[in-house]
Amino acid sequence: MSMLDLAYRVYERRLAADLAEGPVPGHVGVILDGNRRFARERGLPGPTEGHVAGARHIEVFLDWCLDFDIPCVTLWLLSTDNLGRDDEEVAGLLSIIEDTVVRMVSGPDAEARGLRVTAVGALELLPDDTRRALERAEEATATHDRLRVQVAVGYGGRQEITDALRSLLRDRAEQGQSLEDVAASLRPEDIGDHLYTTGLPDPDLIIRTSGEVRLSGFLLWQSAHSEFYFCDTYWPEFRRVDFLRALRDYQRRSRRFGR
């Protein structure tokens, strides 16, 4: 072990000890960014290899969340915009996502880890094989309650809000309400009740890797009062110490929720 590795280990332990007594977020959202740039800068054959490296890192990250008893995580695996990429890359991405959710639910310690997997997004846009893999993961983990892992696949924030409004209007029309009635009584909570993520708390902390400082449409409605942490590290290289720094940054924030 090099002196640098040793120093990082000592620093990591100290960070973890300092965080032990502070509040942890109840829901962490993660924009897993930088897989393609990781592949390109390391001379890998193509972007698929970067996505594979990123997918392998997911279970490591979930173990870190389990260590801190974080009850809910949302991982943005594929956006609606990503579906417009080169067909070969999209097919590779979808295959990797299918393999990833299978690993989450079928490992020898799956029940002990207690991951409950759910999928959110415009799932009707996905191929049948991908939808079935997500459905099987949901069914296999429906009784698990240690860590809720929400995978956002074919997800876009604008699409989600559009779908929520469409669903709300249909429900109200079935109840016999006119458009004027809906407009007169509409509350933010009504829209919230029709989002993909209905029933889950809004994210307390959103992490984005790779140096980009924007949400790109991730949980637009739900992130109104979220704290944000941006780091330069590409997702496949996101270290435990980076995660601990994000938690430390969260604990140092004064959360007033607009008050």
C-alpha atoms as a PDB file:
ATOM      1  CA  MET A   1       0.000   0.000   0.000  1.00  0.00           C
ATOM      2  CA  SER A   2       1.362   3.411  -0.969  1.00  0.00           C
ATOM      3  CA  MET A   3       1.628   6.312   1.451  1.00  0.00           C
ATOM      4  CA  LEU A   4      -1.108   8.084  -0.521  1.00  0.00           C
ATOM      5  CA  ASP A   5      -3.455   5.104  -0.136  1.00  0.00           C
ATOM      6  CA  LEU A   6      -2.705   4.953   3.572  1.00  0.00           C
ATOM      7  CA  ALA A   7      -3.384   8.669   3.978  1.00  0.00           C
ATOM      8  CA  TYR A   8      -6.729   8.285   2.198  1.00  0.00           C
ATOM      9  CA  ARG A   9      -7.710   5.396   4.448  1.00  0.00           C
ATOM     10  CA  VAL A  10      -6.944   7.406   7.574  1.00  0.00           C
ATOM     11  CA  TYR A  11      -8.805  10.418   6.178  1.00  0.00           C
ATOM     12  CA  GLU A  12     -11.777   8.242   5.204  1.00  0.00           C
ATOM     13  CA  ARG A  13     -12.025   6.701   8.683  1.00  0.00           C
ATOM     14  CA  ARG A  14     -11.864  10.124  10.291  1.00  0.00           C
ATOM     15  CA  LEU A  15     -14.594  11.440   7.992  1.00  0.00           C
ATOM     16  CA  ALA A  16     -16.830   8.452   8.723  1.00  0.00           C
ATOM     17  CA  ALA A  17     -16.341   8.893  12.469  1.00  0.00           C
ATOM     18  CA  ASP A  18     -17.181  12.595  12.259  1.00  0.00           C
ATOM     19  CA  LEU A  19     -20.364  11.825  10.313  1.00  0.00           C
ATOM     20  CA  ALA A  20     -21.597   9.103  12.656  1.00  0.00           C
ATOM     21  CA  GLU A  21     -23.445  11.429  15.024  1.00  0.00           C
ATOM     22  CA  GLY A  22     -24.936  13.787  12.444  1.00  0.00           C
ATOM     23  CA  PRO A  23     -28.136  13.570  10.394  1.00  0.00           C
ATOM     24  CA  VAL A  24     -28.106  11.530   7.204  1.00  0.00           C
ATOM     25  CA  PRO A  25     -30.384  12.167   4.233  1.00  0.00           C
ATOM     26  CA  GLY A  26     -33.505  10.050   4.079  1.00  0.00           C
ATOM     27  CA  HIS A  27     -33.404  10.019   0.294  1.00  0.00           C
ATOM     28  CA  VAL A  28     -30.329  10.421  -1.913  1.00  0.00           C
ATOM     29  CA  GLY A  29     -30.656  10.972  -5.652  1.00  0.00           C
ATOM     30  CA  VAL A  30     -27.672  10.263  -7.866  1.00  0.00           C
ATOM     31  CA  ILE A  31     -26.964  11.383 -11.438  1.00  0.00           C
ATOM     32  CA  LEU A  32     -24.436   8.740 -12.486  1.00  0.00           C
ATOM     33  CA  ASP A  33     -22.540  10.826 -15.014  1.00  0.00           C
ATOM     34  CA  GLY A  34     -19.228  10.481 -16.803  1.00  0.00           C
ATOM     35  CA  ASN A  35     -19.194   6.851 -17.972  1.00  0.00           C
ATOM     36  CA  ARG A  36     -18.541   7.720 -21.619  1.00  0.00           C
ATOM     37  CA  ARG A  37     -15.790  10.226 -20.826  1.00  0.00           C
ATOM     38  CA  PHE A  38     -14.238   7.686 -18.451  1.00  0.00           C
ATOM     39  CA  ALA A  39     -14.091   5.169 -21.329  1.00  0.00           C
ATOM     40  CA  ARG A  40     -12.716   7.667 -23.816  1.00  0.00           C
ATOM     41  CA  GLU A  41      -9.991   9.058 -21.558  1.00  0.00           C
ATOM     42  CA  ARG A  42      -8.805   5.580 -20.599  1.00  0.00           C
ATOM     43  CA  GLY A  43      -8.665   4.373 -24.160  1.00  0.00           C
ATOM     44  CA  LEU A  44     -11.398   1.756 -23.775  1.00  0.00           C
ATOM     45  CA  PRO A  45     -12.868   0.328 -27.007  1.00  0.00           C
ATOM     46  CA  GLY A  46     -16.151   2.234 -26.755  1.00  0.00           C
ATOM     47  CA  PRO A  47     -18.752   3.849 -24.470  1.00  0.00           C
ATOM     48  CA  THR A  48     -20.286   0.487 -23.560  1.00  0.00           C
ATOM     49  CA  GLU A  49     -17.161  -0.401 -21.566  1.00  0.00           C
ATOM     50  CA  GLY A  50     -17.599   2.819 -19.600  1.00  0.00           C
ATOM     51  CA  HIS A  51     -21.221   1.979 -18.874  1.00  0.00           C
ATOM     52  CA  VAL A  52     -20.184  -1.506 -17.709  1.00  0.00           C
ATOM     53  CA  ALA A  53     -17.640   0.026 -15.322  1.00  0.00           C
ATOM     54  CA  GLY A  54     -20.307   2.409 -14.019  1.00  0.00           C
ATOM     55  CA  ALA A  55     -22.814  -0.397 -13.521  1.00  0.00           C
ATOM     56  CA  ARG A  56     -20.334  -2.443 -11.506  1.00  0.00           C
ATOM     57  CA  HIS A  57     -19.890   0.527  -9.188  1.00  0.00           C
ATOM     58  CA  ILE A  58     -23.585   0.709  -8.289  1.00  0.00           C
ATOM     59  CA  GLU A  59     -23.567  -2.164  -5.813  1.00  0.00           C
ATOM     60  CA  VAL A  60     -20.519  -0.706  -4.068  1.00  0.00           C
ATOM     61  CA  PHE A  61     -22.341   2.599  -3.707  1.00  0.00           C
ATOM     62  CA  LEU A  62     -25.449   0.887  -2.340  1.00  0.00           C
ATOM     63  CA  ASP A  63     -23.304  -0.818   0.306  1.00  0.00           C
ATOM     64  CA  TRP A  64     -22.084   2.620   1.403  1.00  0.00           C
ATOM     65  CA  CYS A  65     -25.710   3.714   1.752  1.00  0.00           C
ATOM     66  CA  LEU A  66     -26.482   0.616   3.796  1.00  0.00           C
ATOM     67  CA  ASP A  67     -23.538   1.417   6.083  1.00  0.00           C
ATOM     68  CA  PHE A  68     -25.189   4.747   6.940  1.00  0.00           C
ATOM     69  CA  ASP A  69     -28.757   3.374   7.118  1.00  0.00           C
ATOM     70  CA  ILE A  70     -29.951   5.629   4.314  1.00  0.00           C
ATOM     71  CA  PRO A  71     -33.463   4.351   3.554  1.00  0.00           C
ATOM     72  CA  CYS A  72     -33.982   5.512  -0.033  1.00  0.00           C
ATOM     73  CA  VAL A  73     -31.829   6.045  -3.123  1.00  0.00           C
ATOM     74  CA  THR A  74     -32.808   7.056  -6.659  1.00  0.00           C
ATOM     75  CA  LEU A  75     -30.308   6.209  -9.398  1.00  0.00           C
ATOM     76  CA  TRP A  76     -30.705   7.893 -12.782  1.00  0.00           C
ATOM     77  CA  LEU A  77     -29.615   5.125 -15.143  1.00  0.00           C
ATOM     78  CA  LEU A  78     -31.132   6.269 -18.434  1.00  0.00           C
ATOM     79  CA  SER A  79     -32.856   9.460 -19.529  1.00  0.00           C
ATOM     80  CA  THR A  80     -35.466   9.882 -22.237  1.00  0.00           C
ATOM     81  CA  ASP A  81     -32.837  11.906 -24.132  1.00  0.00           C
ATOM     82  CA  ASN A  82     -30.412   8.965 -23.913  1.00  0.00           C
ATOM     83  CA  LEU A  83     -32.893   6.871 -25.891  1.00  0.00           C
ATOM     84  CA  GLY A  84     -32.040   9.041 -28.899  1.00  0.00           C
ATOM     85  CA  ARG A  85     -28.377   7.993 -28.930  1.00  0.00           C
ATOM     86  CA  ASP A  86     -26.848   5.577 -31.442  1.00  0.00           C
ATOM     87  CA  ASP A  87     -28.905   2.355 -31.587  1.00  0.00           C
ATOM     88  CA  GLU A  88     -25.941   0.169 -30.689  1.00  0.00           C
ATOM     89  CA  GLU A  89     -25.104   2.246 -27.615  1.00  0.00           C
ATOM     90  CA  VAL A  90     -28.740   2.306 -26.449  1.00  0.00           C
ATOM     91  CA  ALA A  91     -29.034  -1.466 -26.864  1.00  0.00           C
ATOM     92  CA  GLY A  92     -25.843  -1.914 -24.853  1.00  0.00           C
ATOM     93  CA  LEU A  93     -27.079   0.428 -22.147  1.00  0.00           C
ATOM     94  CA  LEU A  94     -30.402  -1.368 -21.817  1.00  0.00           C
ATOM     95  CA  SER A  95     -28.683  -4.742 -21.607  1.00  0.00           C
ATOM     96  CA  ILE A  96     -26.372  -3.414 -18.876  1.00  0.00           C
ATOM     97  CA  ILE A  97     -29.358  -2.040 -16.922  1.00  0.00           C
ATOM     98  CA  GLU A  98     -31.123  -5.396 -17.153  1.00  0.00           C
ATOM     99  CA  ASP A  99     -28.013  -7.198 -15.862  1.00  0.00           C
ATOM    100  CA  THR A 100     -27.608  -4.629 -13.086  1.00  0.00           C
ATOM    101  CA  VAL A 101     -31.096  -5.056 -11.655  1.00  0.00           C
ATOM    102  CA  VAL A 102     -30.781  -8.841 -11.894  1.00  0.00           C
ATOM    103  CA  ARG A 103     -27.576  -8.709  -9.829  1.00  0.00           C
ATOM    104  CA  MET A 104     -29.294  -6.508  -7.241  1.00  0.00           C
ATOM    105  CA  VAL A 105     -31.997  -9.075  -6.608  1.00  0.00           C
ATOM    106  CA  SER A 106     -30.372 -12.456  -7.252  1.00  0.00           C
ATOM    107  CA  GLY A 107     -27.095 -12.457  -5.340  1.00  0.00           C
ATOM    108  CA  PRO A 108     -26.608 -14.883  -2.426  1.00  0.00           C
ATOM    109  CA  ASP A 109     -26.943 -12.023   0.057  1.00  0.00           C
ATOM    110  CA  ALA A 110     -29.838 -10.257  -1.687  1.00  0.00           C
ATOM    111  CA  GLU A 111     -32.335 -10.936   1.080  1.00  0.00           C
ATOM    112  CA  ALA A 112     -29.905  -9.951   3.826  1.00  0.00           C
ATOM    113  CA  ARG A 113     -29.092  -6.673   2.076  1.00  0.00           C
ATOM    114  CA  GLY A 114     -32.812  -5.933   1.924  1.00  0.00           C
ATOM    115  CA  LEU A 115     -32.849  -3.892  -1.283  1.00  0.00           C
ATOM    116  CA  ARG A 116     -36.314  -3.131  -2.590  1.00  0.00           C
ATOM    117  CA  VAL A 117     -36.071  -2.222  -6.269  1.00  0.00           C
ATOM    118  CA  THR A 118     -38.663  -0.106  -8.059  1.00  0.00           C
ATOM    119  CA  ALA A 119     -38.523   1.492 -11.493  1.00  0.00           C
ATOM    120  CA  VAL A 120     -39.688   4.954 -12.531  1.00  0.00           C
ATOM    121  CA  GLY A 121     -39.818   6.649 -15.896  1.00  0.00           C
ATOM    122  CA  ALA A 122     -41.700   6.464 -19.169  1.00  0.00           C
ATOM    123  CA  LEU A 123     -41.410   2.693 -19.009  1.00  0.00           C
ATOM    124  CA  GLU A 124     -43.725   2.243 -21.981  1.00  0.00           C
ATOM    125  CA  LEU A 125     -40.905   3.575 -24.181  1.00  0.00           C
ATOM    126  CA  LEU A 126     -38.611   0.704 -23.198  1.00  0.00           C
ATOM    127  CA  PRO A 127     -38.252  -2.639 -24.995  1.00  0.00           C
ATOM    128  CA  ASP A 128     -40.266  -5.546 -23.615  1.00  0.00           C
ATOM    129  CA  ASP A 129     -37.171  -7.362 -22.306  1.00  0.00           C
ATOM    130  CA  THR A 130     -36.100  -4.340 -20.264  1.00  0.00           C
ATOM    131  CA  ARG A 131     -39.585  -3.800 -18.844  1.00  0.00           C
ATOM    132  CA  ARG A 132     -39.861  -7.456 -17.873  1.00  0.00           C
ATOM    133  CA  ALA A 133     -36.475  -7.374 -16.128  1.00  0.00           C
ATOM    134  CA  LEU A 134     -37.580  -4.338 -14.106  1.00  0.00           C
ATOM    135  CA  GLU A 135     -40.916  -5.947 -13.267  1.00  0.00           C
ATOM    136  CA  ARG A 136     -39.218  -9.152 -12.089  1.00  0.00           C
ATOM    137  CA  ALA A 137     -36.870  -7.127  -9.885  1.00  0.00           C
ATOM    138  CA  GLU A 138     -39.823  -5.310  -8.320  1.00  0.00           C
ATOM    139  CA  GLU A 139     -41.677  -8.564  -7.677  1.00  0.00           C
ATOM    140  CA  ALA A 140     -38.627 -10.318  -6.225  1.00  0.00           C
ATOM    141  CA  THR A 141     -37.924  -7.531  -3.729  1.00  0.00           C
ATOM    142  CA  ALA A 142     -41.441  -6.350  -2.888  1.00  0.00           C
ATOM    143  CA  THR A 143     -41.148  -7.441   0.769  1.00  0.00           C
ATOM    144  CA  HIS A 144     -37.655  -6.047   1.366  1.00  0.00           C
ATOM    145  CA  ASP A 145     -37.519  -2.951   3.524  1.00  0.00           C
ATOM    146  CA  ARG A 146     -33.936  -2.022   4.347  1.00  0.00           C
ATOM    147  CA  LEU A 147     -33.077   0.190   1.357  1.00  0.00           C
ATOM    148  CA  ARG A 148     -35.469   1.364  -1.345  1.00  0.00           C
ATOM    149  CA  VAL A 149     -33.585   1.552  -4.635  1.00  0.00           C
ATOM    150  CA  GLN A 150     -35.522   3.492  -7.224  1.00  0.00           C
ATOM    151  CA  VAL A 151     -34.021   3.102 -10.685  1.00  0.00           C
ATOM    152  CA  ALA A 152     -34.930   5.876 -13.110  1.00  0.00           C
ATOM    153  CA  VAL A 153     -34.953   4.365 -16.606  1.00  0.00           C
ATOM    154  CA  GLY A 154     -36.290   6.243 -19.622  1.00  0.00           C
ATOM    155  CA  TYR A 155     -36.775   9.097 -17.177  1.00  0.00           C
ATOM    156  CA  GLY A 156     -37.071  12.821 -17.901  1.00  0.00           C
ATOM    157  CA  GLY A 157     -38.324  15.459 -15.482  1.00  0.00           C
ATOM    158  CA  ARG A 158     -40.371  17.371 -18.031  1.00  0.00           C
ATOM    159  CA  GLN A 159     -41.907  14.139 -19.288  1.00  0.00           C
ATOM    160  CA  GLU A 160     -42.777  13.158 -15.724  1.00  0.00           C
ATOM    161  CA  ILE A 161     -44.575  16.458 -15.035  1.00  0.00           C
ATOM    162  CA  THR A 162     -46.387  16.246 -18.373  1.00  0.00           C
ATOM    163  CA  ASP A 163     -47.503  12.682 -17.622  1.00  0.00           C
ATOM    164  CA  ALA A 164     -48.590  13.717 -14.117  1.00  0.00           C
ATOM    165  CA  LEU A 165     -50.798  16.513 -15.453  1.00  0.00           C
ATOM    166  CA  ARG A 166     -52.250  14.218 -18.113  1.00  0.00           C
ATOM    167  CA  SER A 167     -53.066  11.593 -15.459  1.00  0.00           C
ATOM    168  CA  LEU A 168     -54.587  14.190 -13.133  1.00  0.00           C
ATOM    169  CA  LEU A 169     -56.819  15.632 -15.859  1.00  0.00           C
ATOM    170  CA  ARG A 170     -58.024  12.192 -16.855  1.00  0.00           C
ATOM    171  CA  ASP A 171     -58.856  11.301 -13.254  1.00  0.00           C
ATOM    172  CA  ARG A 172     -60.767  14.536 -12.727  1.00  0.00           C
ATOM    173  CA  ALA A 173     -62.642  14.109 -16.019  1.00  0.00           C
ATOM    174  CA  GLU A 174     -63.721  10.625 -14.914  1.00  0.00           C
ATOM    175  CA  GLN A 175     -65.059  12.262 -11.741  1.00  0.00           C
ATOM    176  CA  GLY A 176     -67.163  14.598 -13.874  1.00  0.00           C
ATOM    177  CA  GLN A 177     -65.146  17.760 -13.269  1.00  0.00           C
ATOM    178  CA  SER A 178     -64.789  20.375 -15.969  1.00  0.00           C
ATOM    179  CA  LEU A 179     -61.480  21.974 -16.931  1.00  0.00           C
ATOM    180  CA  GLU A 180     -62.612  25.129 -15.120  1.00  0.00           C
ATOM    181  CA  ASP A 181     -63.294  23.106 -11.967  1.00  0.00           C
ATOM    182  CA  VAL A 182     -59.830  21.556 -12.094  1.00  0.00           C
ATOM    183  CA  ALA A 183     -58.143  24.924 -12.639  1.00  0.00           C
ATOM    184  CA  ALA A 184     -60.003  26.489  -9.730  1.00  0.00           C
ATOM    185  CA  SER A 185     -59.097  23.774  -7.218  1.00  0.00           C
ATOM    186  CA  LEU A 186     -55.660  22.639  -8.405  1.00  0.00           C
ATOM    187  CA  ARG A 187     -52.927  22.461  -5.732  1.00  0.00           C
ATOM    188  CA  PRO A 188     -49.251  21.489  -6.017  1.00  0.00           C
ATOM    189  CA  GLU A 189     -50.014  18.402  -3.950  1.00  0.00           C
ATOM    190  CA  ASP A 190     -52.470  17.231  -6.595  1.00  0.00           C
ATOM    191  CA  ILE A 191     -49.732  17.178  -9.208  1.00  0.00           C
ATOM    192  CA  GLY A 192     -47.342  15.529  -6.749  1.00  0.00           C
ATOM    193  CA  ASP A 193     -49.831  12.707  -6.246  1.00  0.00           C
ATOM    194  CA  HIS A 194     -49.549  11.799  -9.936  1.00  0.00           C
ATOM    195  CA  LEU A 195     -45.762  11.815 -10.315  1.00  0.00           C
ATOM    196  CA  TYR A 196     -43.829   8.615 -11.043  1.00  0.00           C
ATOM    197  CA  THR A 197     -42.381   8.788  -7.518  1.00  0.00           C
ATOM    198  CA  THR A 198     -45.696   9.021  -5.665  1.00  0.00           C
ATOM    199  CA  GLY A 199     -45.386   7.610  -2.157  1.00  0.00           C
ATOM    200  CA  LEU A 200     -41.688   8.356  -1.752  1.00  0.00           C
ATOM    201  CA  PRO A 201     -40.203  11.340   0.101  1.00  0.00           C
ATOM    202  CA  ASP A 202     -38.555  14.058  -1.949  1.00  0.00           C
ATOM    203  CA  PRO A 203     -34.752  13.744  -2.151  1.00  0.00           C
ATOM    204  CA  ASP A 204     -32.821  15.443   0.636  1.00  0.00           C
ATOM    205  CA  LEU A 205     -29.527  15.258  -1.241  1.00  0.00           C
ATOM    206  CA  ILE A 206     -28.760  15.006  -4.959  1.00  0.00           C
ATOM    207  CA  ILE A 207     -25.262  14.049  -6.088  1.00  0.00           C
ATOM    208  CA  ARG A 208     -23.950  14.524  -9.613  1.00  0.00           C
ATOM    209  CA  THR A 209     -20.594  13.206 -10.711  1.00  0.00           C
ATOM    210  CA  SER A 210     -18.316  14.168 -13.654  1.00  0.00           C
ATOM    211  CA  GLY A 211     -18.038  17.930 -13.101  1.00  0.00           C
ATOM    212  CA  GLU A 212     -21.336  18.953 -14.690  1.00  0.00           C
ATOM    213  CA  VAL A 213     -23.208  21.486 -12.542  1.00  0.00           C
ATOM    214  CA  ARG A 214     -26.830  21.069 -13.587  1.00  0.00           C
ATOM    215  CA  LEU A 215     -29.774  18.739 -12.993  1.00  0.00           C
ATOM    216  CA  SER A 216     -30.506  18.003 -16.672  1.00  0.00           C
ATOM    217  CA  GLY A 217     -34.133  17.317 -15.778  1.00  0.00           C
ATOM    218  CA  PHE A 218     -33.563  14.953 -12.837  1.00  0.00           C
ATOM    219  CA  LEU A 219     -36.436  14.993 -10.338  1.00  0.00           C
ATOM    220  CA  LEU A 220     -37.342  18.558 -11.308  1.00  0.00           C
ATOM    221  CA  TRP A 221     -40.503  18.722  -9.214  1.00  0.00           C
ATOM    222  CA  GLN A 222     -39.184  16.751  -6.238  1.00  0.00           C
ATOM    223  CA  SER A 223     -35.894  18.648  -5.885  1.00  0.00           C
ATOM    224  CA  ALA A 224     -37.399  22.028  -4.939  1.00  0.00           C
ATOM    225  CA  HIS A 225     -35.845  21.846  -1.463  1.00  0.00           C
ATOM    226  CA  SER A 226     -33.040  19.361  -2.105  1.00  0.00           C
ATOM    227  CA  GLU A 227     -29.406  20.007  -1.295  1.00  0.00           C
ATOM    228  CA  PHE A 228     -26.979  19.517  -4.208  1.00  0.00           C
ATOM    229  CA  TYR A 229     -23.456  18.141  -4.312  1.00  0.00           C
ATOM    230  CA  PHE A 230     -21.412  18.244  -7.518  1.00  0.00           C
ATOM    231  CA  CYS A 231     -18.011  16.604  -7.873  1.00  0.00           C
ATOM    232  CA  ASP A 232     -15.522  16.312 -10.732  1.00  0.00           C
ATOM    233  CA  THR A 233     -14.993  12.551 -10.418  1.00  0.00           C
ATOM    234  CA  TYR A 234     -16.451  10.333 -13.137  1.00  0.00           C
ATOM    235  CA  TRP A 235     -19.025   7.875 -11.788  1.00  0.00           C
ATOM    236  CA  PRO A 236     -16.898   4.697 -12.210  1.00  0.00           C
ATOM    237  CA  GLU A 237     -14.203   6.346 -10.067  1.00  0.00           C
ATOM    238  CA  PHE A 238     -16.515   7.826  -7.432  1.00  0.00           C
ATOM    239  CA  ARG A 239     -14.895   6.792  -4.150  1.00  0.00           C
ATOM    240  CA  ARG A 240     -16.252   6.221  -0.695  1.00  0.00           C
ATOM    241  CA  VAL A 241     -14.368   9.313   0.429  1.00  0.00           C
ATOM    242  CA  ASP A 242     -16.247  11.310  -2.232  1.00  0.00           C
ATOM    243  CA  PHE A 243     -19.527  10.002  -0.829  1.00  0.00           C
ATOM    244  CA  LEU A 244     -18.450  10.878   2.709  1.00  0.00           C
ATOM    245  CA  ARG A 245     -17.594  14.392   1.586  1.00  0.00           C
ATOM    246  CA  ALA A 246     -21.075  14.706   0.087  1.00  0.00           C
ATOM    247  CA  LEU A 247     -22.608  13.622   3.408  1.00  0.00           C
ATOM    248  CA  ARG A 248     -20.358  16.022   5.313  1.00  0.00           C
ATOM    249  CA  ASP A 249     -21.433  18.844   3.017  1.00  0.00           C
ATOM    250  CA  TYR A 250     -25.076  17.880   3.603  1.00  0.00           C
ATOM    251  CA  GLN A 251     -24.642  17.896   7.374  1.00  0.00           C
ATOM    252  CA  ARG A 252     -23.143  21.379   7.233  1.00  0.00           C
ATOM    253  CA  ARG A 253     -26.112  22.848   5.379  1.00  0.00           C
ATOM    254  CA  SER A 254     -28.832  24.749   7.223  1.00  0.00           C
ATOM    255  CA  ARG A 255     -32.062  23.451   5.726  1.00  0.00           C
ATOM    256  CA  ARG A 256     -34.908  25.978   5.967  1.00  0.00           C
ATOM    257  CA  PHE A 257     -37.245  24.686   3.209  1.00  0.00           C
ATOM    258  CA  GLY A 258     -37.972  28.231   2.080  1.00  0.00           C
ATOM    259  CA  ARG A 259     -38.929  29.404   5.549  1.00  0.00           C
END
